[in-house]
Amino acid sequence: MNRKQFIESEGGTCSNWTWSWSFVNHEKKMVVFGAWDAEREQERSVILKEDWETKEVNGIEKKNLGYVQAIKHLNLIAEGYDLFTFEMKQGRTAEDPDVAVIKGFTPKLEKRYLRKEGSTWYADYQPNQFPDEIPAPENYVEGAKKQVTVNSYERDPKARKACIDHHGTACKCCGFDFEKVYGKHGKGFIHVHHIKPLHTVGEGYKVDPINEMVPLCPNCHAMVHRGSEVLSIECLKKMF
């Protein structure tokens, strides 16, 4: 069984079987990505990078059609489609060592969970444990339910940006700053916590990104959500 036969057996299709990196089954609302073994990290796989948007052909920068299609498929996940991956072994051509080819693959789909960090999209092996770090559509309306393993709540990246623009990227509880510790690699990284849990508000609720959102490091974010009730930032600070 080759890759095309495997994807078609799962009801998947694409624009072109030669250059496609991702596939879709609209009937089952599934998006499928191949996950390179060389791009695998602990508990997650890289499925797309902004660096892959273009390629150089005879000295000319050209857009990767596979990247364009992949972005469309990622948008479907934001609309409610489920993400699946299958493992691929990466090889290289003798003519052009920079070009990756499929050396082999495992014909088995695995349910994954989308997360973007910086310029990279990941397929997480486990559901996102931080309910305020889930990708969302392009508007300020918050609280629309989306089935993952339990109900999570979509949120708006523009609201996140407005929060960070006002509060900065240092943790408001412990003061940790990723850029100061990790340099350029940590620049801009921080979790954003909703002071008013979105599961307590209805659909269509409009969040105030300055007064109702606050930047927290992953450790503090995990601690405020640990237990049956969400702790206040002030309460968590007293535990130091």
C-alpha atoms as a PDB file:
ATOM      1  CA  MET A   1       0.000   0.000   0.000  1.00  0.00           C
ATOM      2  CA  ASN A   2       1.422   3.375  -0.976  1.00  0.00           C
ATOM      3  CA  ARG A   3       0.671   6.716   0.683  1.00  0.00           C
ATOM      4  CA  LYS A   4      -2.112   7.651  -1.760  1.00  0.00           C
ATOM      5  CA  GLN A   5      -3.865   4.302  -1.294  1.00  0.00           C
ATOM      6  CA  PHE A   6      -3.623   4.658   2.492  1.00  0.00           C
ATOM      7  CA  ILE A   7      -5.057   8.189   2.547  1.00  0.00           C
ATOM      8  CA  GLU A   8      -7.859   7.225   0.153  1.00  0.00           C
ATOM      9  CA  SER A   9      -8.703   4.202   2.346  1.00  0.00           C
ATOM     10  CA  GLU A  10      -9.301   6.716   5.163  1.00  0.00           C
ATOM     11  CA  GLY A  11     -11.552   8.842   2.944  1.00  0.00           C
ATOM     12  CA  GLY A  12      -8.943  11.565   2.498  1.00  0.00           C
ATOM     13  CA  THR A  13      -8.281  13.700  -0.538  1.00  0.00           C
ATOM     14  CA  CYS A  14      -6.040  16.588  -1.579  1.00  0.00           C
ATOM     15  CA  SER A  15      -5.333  18.956  -4.456  1.00  0.00           C
ATOM     16  CA  ASN A  16      -2.317  17.062  -5.773  1.00  0.00           C
ATOM     17  CA  TRP A  17      -0.869  13.730  -4.649  1.00  0.00           C
ATOM     18  CA  THR A  18       2.680  14.725  -5.571  1.00  0.00           C
ATOM     19  CA  TRP A  19       3.170  17.886  -3.526  1.00  0.00           C
ATOM     20  CA  SER A  20       0.467  17.672  -0.833  1.00  0.00           C
ATOM     21  CA  TRP A  21       1.588  17.600   2.800  1.00  0.00           C
ATOM     22  CA  SER A  22      -1.930  17.437   4.251  1.00  0.00           C
ATOM     23  CA  PHE A  23      -5.247  15.816   3.416  1.00  0.00           C
ATOM     24  CA  VAL A  24      -8.904  16.231   4.327  1.00  0.00           C
ATOM     25  CA  ASN A  25     -11.998  14.094   4.792  1.00  0.00           C
ATOM     26  CA  HIS A  26     -14.919  16.543   4.816  1.00  0.00           C
ATOM     27  CA  GLU A  27     -17.506  13.874   5.581  1.00  0.00           C
ATOM     28  CA  LYS A  28     -15.806  12.859   8.843  1.00  0.00           C
ATOM     29  CA  LYS A  29     -14.349  16.345   9.437  1.00  0.00           C
ATOM     30  CA  MET A  30     -10.801  15.038   9.590  1.00  0.00           C
ATOM     31  CA  VAL A  31      -7.555  16.770   8.639  1.00  0.00           C
ATOM     32  CA  VAL A  32      -4.542  14.488   8.179  1.00  0.00           C
ATOM     33  CA  PHE A  33      -0.858  15.470   8.195  1.00  0.00           C
ATOM     34  CA  GLY A  34       2.171  13.305   7.628  1.00  0.00           C
ATOM     35  CA  ALA A  35       4.609  13.667  10.542  1.00  0.00           C
ATOM     36  CA  TRP A  36       8.328  13.253   9.727  1.00  0.00           C
ATOM     37  CA  ASP A  37      10.343  11.130  12.147  1.00  0.00           C
ATOM     38  CA  ALA A  38      13.125  13.734  11.879  1.00  0.00           C
ATOM     39  CA  GLU A  39      10.767  16.455  13.115  1.00  0.00           C
ATOM     40  CA  ARG A  40       9.432  14.543  16.129  1.00  0.00           C
ATOM     41  CA  GLU A  41       9.877  15.956  19.616  1.00  0.00           C
ATOM     42  CA  GLN A  42       8.927  14.542  22.991  1.00  0.00           C
ATOM     43  CA  GLU A  43       5.136  14.141  23.100  1.00  0.00           C
ATOM     44  CA  ARG A  44       4.594  16.056  19.838  1.00  0.00           C
ATOM     45  CA  SER A  45       5.475  16.280  16.167  1.00  0.00           C
ATOM     46  CA  VAL A  46       6.194  19.249  13.932  1.00  0.00           C
ATOM     47  CA  ILE A  47       3.665  19.313  11.083  1.00  0.00           C
ATOM     48  CA  LEU A  48       4.288  22.749   9.542  1.00  0.00           C
ATOM     49  CA  LYS A  49       6.718  25.655   9.751  1.00  0.00           C
ATOM     50  CA  GLU A  50       6.457  29.147   8.338  1.00  0.00           C
ATOM     51  CA  ASP A  51       9.943  28.549   6.901  1.00  0.00           C
ATOM     52  CA  TRP A  52       8.375  25.971   4.561  1.00  0.00           C
ATOM     53  CA  GLU A  53       6.189  28.591   2.857  1.00  0.00           C
ATOM     54  CA  THR A  54       8.670  29.102   0.007  1.00  0.00           C
ATOM     55  CA  LYS A  55      11.427  27.172  -1.730  1.00  0.00           C
ATOM     56  CA  GLU A  56      14.288  28.223  -3.983  1.00  0.00           C
ATOM     57  CA  VAL A  57      14.194  26.900  -7.546  1.00  0.00           C
ATOM     58  CA  ASN A  58      17.069  27.881  -9.840  1.00  0.00           C
ATOM     59  CA  GLY A  59      17.800  30.870  -7.646  1.00  0.00           C
ATOM     60  CA  ILE A  60      14.174  32.024  -7.641  1.00  0.00           C
ATOM     61  CA  GLU A  61      12.016  31.997  -4.481  1.00  0.00           C
ATOM     62  CA  LYS A  62       8.719  30.223  -5.160  1.00  0.00           C
ATOM     63  CA  LYS A  63       5.719  29.528  -2.943  1.00  0.00           C
ATOM     64  CA  ASN A  64       5.223  25.919  -1.844  1.00  0.00           C
ATOM     65  CA  LEU A  65       1.762  24.808  -2.970  1.00  0.00           C
ATOM     66  CA  GLY A  66       1.764  22.225  -0.192  1.00  0.00           C
ATOM     67  CA  TYR A  67       2.145  25.028   2.352  1.00  0.00           C
ATOM     68  CA  VAL A  68      -0.779  26.993   0.902  1.00  0.00           C
ATOM     69  CA  GLN A  69      -3.027  23.926   1.108  1.00  0.00           C
ATOM     70  CA  ALA A  70      -1.786  23.085   4.620  1.00  0.00           C
ATOM     71  CA  ILE A  71      -2.809  26.528   5.901  1.00  0.00           C
ATOM     72  CA  LYS A  72      -6.316  25.985   4.509  1.00  0.00           C
ATOM     73  CA  HIS A  73      -6.476  22.647   6.290  1.00  0.00           C
ATOM     74  CA  LEU A  74      -5.275  24.180   9.572  1.00  0.00           C
ATOM     75  CA  ASN A  75      -8.093  26.706   9.288  1.00  0.00           C
ATOM     76  CA  LEU A  76     -10.529  23.772   9.073  1.00  0.00           C
ATOM     77  CA  ILE A  77      -9.205  22.518  12.421  1.00  0.00           C
ATOM     78  CA  ALA A  78      -9.968  25.934  13.923  1.00  0.00           C
ATOM     79  CA  GLU A  79     -13.511  25.504  12.572  1.00  0.00           C
ATOM     80  CA  GLY A  80     -13.970  22.160  14.327  1.00  0.00           C
ATOM     81  CA  TYR A  81     -12.265  19.462  12.233  1.00  0.00           C
ATOM     82  CA  ASP A  82     -10.156  16.874  14.104  1.00  0.00           C
ATOM     83  CA  LEU A  83      -6.421  16.541  13.526  1.00  0.00           C
ATOM     84  CA  PHE A  84      -4.797  13.188  12.758  1.00  0.00           C
ATOM     85  CA  THR A  85      -1.228  12.309  11.816  1.00  0.00           C
ATOM     86  CA  PHE A  86       0.606   9.295  10.435  1.00  0.00           C
ATOM     87  CA  GLU A  87       4.342   8.709  10.825  1.00  0.00           C
ATOM     88  CA  MET A  88       6.699   9.118   7.874  1.00  0.00           C
ATOM     89  CA  LYS A  89      10.395   8.205   7.600  1.00  0.00           C
ATOM     90  CA  GLN A  90      12.442  10.957   5.992  1.00  0.00           C
ATOM     91  CA  GLY A  91      14.965  10.352   3.263  1.00  0.00           C
ATOM     92  CA  ARG A  92      17.004  12.536   0.905  1.00  0.00           C
ATOM     93  CA  THR A  93      17.575  12.535  -2.837  1.00  0.00           C
ATOM     94  CA  ALA A  94      21.090  12.095  -4.177  1.00  0.00           C
ATOM     95  CA  GLU A  95      20.524  14.947  -6.634  1.00  0.00           C
ATOM     96  CA  ASP A  96      19.424  17.464  -4.003  1.00  0.00           C
ATOM     97  CA  PRO A  97      20.172  16.554  -0.340  1.00  0.00           C
ATOM     98  CA  ASP A  98      18.072  19.513   0.846  1.00  0.00           C
ATOM     99  CA  VAL A  99      14.887  17.957  -0.550  1.00  0.00           C
ATOM    100  CA  ALA A 100      13.120  15.528   1.774  1.00  0.00           C
ATOM    101  CA  VAL A 101      11.470  12.415   0.352  1.00  0.00           C
ATOM    102  CA  ILE A 102       9.313   9.738   1.957  1.00  0.00           C
ATOM    103  CA  LYS A 103      11.483   6.720   2.720  1.00  0.00           C
ATOM    104  CA  GLY A 104       8.581   4.911   4.337  1.00  0.00           C
ATOM    105  CA  PHE A 105       5.451   5.463   6.434  1.00  0.00           C
ATOM    106  CA  THR A 106       3.221   3.781   9.016  1.00  0.00           C
ATOM    107  CA  PRO A 107      -0.338   3.275   7.679  1.00  0.00           C
ATOM    108  CA  LYS A 108      -2.048   4.213  10.949  1.00  0.00           C
ATOM    109  CA  LEU A 109      -3.800   7.443  11.903  1.00  0.00           C
ATOM    110  CA  GLU A 110      -3.315   8.893  15.394  1.00  0.00           C
ATOM    111  CA  LYS A 111      -5.558  11.560  16.947  1.00  0.00           C
ATOM    112  CA  ARG A 112      -3.553  14.691  17.734  1.00  0.00           C
ATOM    113  CA  TYR A 113      -4.131  18.207  19.094  1.00  0.00           C
ATOM    114  CA  LEU A 114      -3.014  21.335  17.270  1.00  0.00           C
ATOM    115  CA  ARG A 115      -0.781  23.924  18.894  1.00  0.00           C
ATOM    116  CA  LYS A 116       1.257  26.738  17.381  1.00  0.00           C
ATOM    117  CA  GLU A 117       4.344  28.149  19.087  1.00  0.00           C
ATOM    118  CA  GLY A 118       6.156  30.959  17.321  1.00  0.00           C
ATOM    119  CA  SER A 119       6.455  30.045  13.646  1.00  0.00           C
ATOM    120  CA  THR A 120       5.843  26.303  14.113  1.00  0.00           C
ATOM    121  CA  TRP A 121       2.650  24.232  14.205  1.00  0.00           C
ATOM    122  CA  TYR A 122       2.764  21.104  16.374  1.00  0.00           C
ATOM    123  CA  ALA A 123       0.594  18.017  16.653  1.00  0.00           C
ATOM    124  CA  ASP A 124       0.495  17.362  20.412  1.00  0.00           C
ATOM    125  CA  TYR A 125       0.022  13.739  21.482  1.00  0.00           C
ATOM    126  CA  GLN A 126      -2.206  14.714  24.424  1.00  0.00           C
ATOM    127  CA  PRO A 127      -5.023  17.270  24.796  1.00  0.00           C
ATOM    128  CA  ASN A 128      -3.897  20.745  25.772  1.00  0.00           C
ATOM    129  CA  GLN A 129      -3.757  20.852  29.562  1.00  0.00           C
ATOM    130  CA  PHE A 130      -3.968  24.648  29.636  1.00  0.00           C
ATOM    131  CA  PRO A 131      -7.559  25.689  28.772  1.00  0.00           C
ATOM    132  CA  ASP A 132      -6.519  29.251  27.938  1.00  0.00           C
ATOM    133  CA  GLU A 133      -3.932  28.246  25.317  1.00  0.00           C
ATOM    134  CA  ILE A 134      -6.192  26.827  22.563  1.00  0.00           C
ATOM    135  CA  PRO A 135      -6.152  28.183  18.980  1.00  0.00           C
ATOM    136  CA  ALA A 136      -9.181  30.259  17.983  1.00  0.00           C
ATOM    137  CA  PRO A 137     -10.868  32.191  15.165  1.00  0.00           C
ATOM    138  CA  GLU A 138     -10.256  35.797  14.125  1.00  0.00           C
ATOM    139  CA  ASN A 139     -12.630  37.833  16.272  1.00  0.00           C
ATOM    140  CA  TYR A 140     -13.113  39.117  19.799  1.00  0.00           C
ATOM    141  CA  VAL A 141     -16.093  36.872  20.572  1.00  0.00           C
ATOM    142  CA  GLU A 142     -15.135  34.227  23.109  1.00  0.00           C
ATOM    143  CA  GLY A 143     -16.627  31.128  24.647  1.00  0.00           C
ATOM    144  CA  ALA A 144     -17.739  29.010  21.660  1.00  0.00           C
ATOM    145  CA  LYS A 145     -17.558  25.364  22.711  1.00  0.00           C
ATOM    146  CA  LYS A 146     -15.430  22.920  20.734  1.00  0.00           C
ATOM    147  CA  GLN A 147     -15.209  19.181  21.420  1.00  0.00           C
ATOM    148  CA  VAL A 148     -11.696  17.937  22.143  1.00  0.00           C
ATOM    149  CA  THR A 149     -11.683  15.277  24.876  1.00  0.00           C
ATOM    150  CA  VAL A 150     -13.643  17.519  27.158  1.00  0.00           C
ATOM    151  CA  ASN A 151     -15.244  20.790  26.129  1.00  0.00           C
ATOM    152  CA  SER A 152     -12.629  23.462  25.648  1.00  0.00           C
ATOM    153  CA  TYR A 153     -13.321  27.072  24.758  1.00  0.00           C
ATOM    154  CA  GLU A 154     -12.127  28.951  21.736  1.00  0.00           C
ATOM    155  CA  ARG A 155     -10.397  32.276  22.190  1.00  0.00           C
ATOM    156  CA  ASP A 156      -9.145  35.066  19.987  1.00  0.00           C
ATOM    157  CA  PRO A 157      -5.456  35.619  19.132  1.00  0.00           C
ATOM    158  CA  LYS A 158      -6.144  39.361  18.782  1.00  0.00           C
ATOM    159  CA  ALA A 159      -7.337  39.465  22.393  1.00  0.00           C
ATOM    160  CA  ARG A 160      -4.170  37.618  23.426  1.00  0.00           C
ATOM    161  CA  LYS A 161      -2.035  40.160  21.545  1.00  0.00           C
ATOM    162  CA  ALA A 162      -3.897  43.079  23.157  1.00  0.00           C
ATOM    163  CA  CYS A 163      -3.249  41.552  26.590  1.00  0.00           C
ATOM    164  CA  ILE A 164       0.472  41.124  25.916  1.00  0.00           C
ATOM    165  CA  ASP A 165       0.802  44.576  24.346  1.00  0.00           C
ATOM    166  CA  HIS A 166      -0.532  46.059  27.591  1.00  0.00           C
ATOM    167  CA  HIS A 167       0.946  43.744  30.255  1.00  0.00           C
ATOM    168  CA  GLY A 168       4.126  42.523  28.540  1.00  0.00           C
ATOM    169  CA  THR A 169       5.450  38.955  28.419  1.00  0.00           C
ATOM    170  CA  ALA A 170       6.738  38.581  31.999  1.00  0.00           C
ATOM    171  CA  CYS A 171       4.668  36.357  34.297  1.00  0.00           C
ATOM    172  CA  LYS A 172       2.365  38.487  36.472  1.00  0.00           C
ATOM    173  CA  CYS A 173       2.711  36.018  39.326  1.00  0.00           C
ATOM    174  CA  CYS A 174       6.389  35.043  39.615  1.00  0.00           C
ATOM    175  CA  GLY A 175       7.923  37.562  37.198  1.00  0.00           C
ATOM    176  CA  PHE A 176       9.610  34.947  34.978  1.00  0.00           C
ATOM    177  CA  ASP A 177      10.623  36.338  31.572  1.00  0.00           C
ATOM    178  CA  PHE A 178      11.457  33.745  28.877  1.00  0.00           C
ATOM    179  CA  GLU A 179      13.458  36.184  26.751  1.00  0.00           C
ATOM    180  CA  LYS A 180      15.727  37.173  29.661  1.00  0.00           C
ATOM    181  CA  VAL A 181      16.476  33.519  30.405  1.00  0.00           C
ATOM    182  CA  TYR A 182      16.508  31.940  26.929  1.00  0.00           C
ATOM    183  CA  GLY A 183      17.346  34.944  24.759  1.00  0.00           C
ATOM    184  CA  LYS A 184      15.939  35.144  21.246  1.00  0.00           C
ATOM    185  CA  HIS A 185      14.522  31.608  21.466  1.00  0.00           C
ATOM    186  CA  GLY A 186      12.216  32.652  24.331  1.00  0.00           C
ATOM    187  CA  LYS A 187      11.188  36.039  22.926  1.00  0.00           C
ATOM    188  CA  GLY A 188       7.427  36.549  22.913  1.00  0.00           C
ATOM    189  CA  PHE A 189       6.609  33.239  24.613  1.00  0.00           C
ATOM    190  CA  ILE A 190       4.117  33.350  27.493  1.00  0.00           C
ATOM    191  CA  HIS A 191       0.763  31.834  28.363  1.00  0.00           C
ATOM    192  CA  VAL A 192      -2.264  34.088  28.711  1.00  0.00           C
ATOM    193  CA  HIS A 193      -4.715  33.344  31.514  1.00  0.00           C
ATOM    194  CA  HIS A 194      -8.385  34.346  31.554  1.00  0.00           C
ATOM    195  CA  ILE A 195      -9.167  35.683  35.019  1.00  0.00           C
ATOM    196  CA  LYS A 196     -12.842  34.928  34.413  1.00  0.00           C
ATOM    197  CA  PRO A 197     -12.923  31.265  33.256  1.00  0.00           C
ATOM    198  CA  LEU A 198     -14.580  31.071  29.842  1.00  0.00           C
ATOM    199  CA  HIS A 199     -16.596  28.005  30.788  1.00  0.00           C
ATOM    200  CA  THR A 200     -18.518  30.262  33.204  1.00  0.00           C
ATOM    201  CA  VAL A 201     -19.658  32.644  30.463  1.00  0.00           C
ATOM    202  CA  GLY A 202     -21.982  32.086  27.536  1.00  0.00           C
ATOM    203  CA  GLU A 203     -21.301  32.106  23.835  1.00  0.00           C
ATOM    204  CA  GLY A 204     -20.846  35.572  22.396  1.00  0.00           C
ATOM    205  CA  TYR A 205     -19.164  36.916  25.537  1.00  0.00           C
ATOM    206  CA  LYS A 206     -16.725  39.732  24.688  1.00  0.00           C
ATOM    207  CA  VAL A 207     -13.572  39.560  26.733  1.00  0.00           C
ATOM    208  CA  ASP A 208     -11.694  42.601  28.045  1.00  0.00           C
ATOM    209  CA  PRO A 209      -8.072  41.683  27.199  1.00  0.00           C
ATOM    210  CA  ILE A 210      -6.591  44.249  29.607  1.00  0.00           C
ATOM    211  CA  ASN A 211      -8.691  43.707  32.726  1.00  0.00           C
ATOM    212  CA  GLU A 212      -9.757  40.075  32.259  1.00  0.00           C
ATOM    213  CA  MET A 213      -6.582  38.520  30.847  1.00  0.00           C
ATOM    214  CA  VAL A 214      -3.106  38.278  32.333  1.00  0.00           C
ATOM    215  CA  PRO A 215       0.224  36.755  31.173  1.00  0.00           C
ATOM    216  CA  LEU A 216       1.404  33.774  33.212  1.00  0.00           C
ATOM    217  CA  CYS A 217       4.343  31.402  32.802  1.00  0.00           C
ATOM    218  CA  PRO A 218       3.354  27.735  32.206  1.00  0.00           C
ATOM    219  CA  ASN A 219       4.182  26.781  35.819  1.00  0.00           C
ATOM    220  CA  CYS A 220       1.979  29.451  37.373  1.00  0.00           C
ATOM    221  CA  HIS A 221      -0.696  28.840  34.759  1.00  0.00           C
ATOM    222  CA  ALA A 222      -0.793  25.150  35.675  1.00  0.00           C
ATOM    223  CA  MET A 223      -0.990  25.964  39.386  1.00  0.00           C
ATOM    224  CA  VAL A 224      -3.916  28.407  39.109  1.00  0.00           C
ATOM    225  CA  HIS A 225      -5.847  25.706  37.240  1.00  0.00           C
ATOM    226  CA  ARG A 226      -4.891  22.862  39.559  1.00  0.00           C
ATOM    227  CA  GLY A 227      -7.806  21.607  41.598  1.00  0.00           C
ATOM    228  CA  SER A 228     -11.553  21.984  41.265  1.00  0.00           C
ATOM    229  CA  GLU A 229     -11.473  25.803  41.438  1.00  0.00           C
ATOM    230  CA  VAL A 230      -9.325  28.319  39.565  1.00  0.00           C
ATOM    231  CA  LEU A 231      -7.113  30.260  41.984  1.00  0.00           C
ATOM    232  CA  SER A 232      -6.718  34.021  41.833  1.00  0.00           C
ATOM    233  CA  ILE A 233      -3.276  35.432  41.045  1.00  0.00           C
ATOM    234  CA  GLU A 234      -3.174  37.040  44.511  1.00  0.00           C
ATOM    235  CA  CYS A 235      -3.902  33.695  46.158  1.00  0.00           C
ATOM    236  CA  LEU A 236      -1.152  31.966  44.197  1.00  0.00           C
ATOM    237  CA  LYS A 237       1.371  34.688  45.083  1.00  0.00           C
ATOM    238  CA  LYS A 238       0.749  34.013  48.785  1.00  0.00           C
ATOM    239  CA  MET A 239       1.859  30.411  48.264  1.00  0.00           C
ATOM    240  CA  PHE A 240       5.422  31.421  47.308  1.00  0.00           C
END
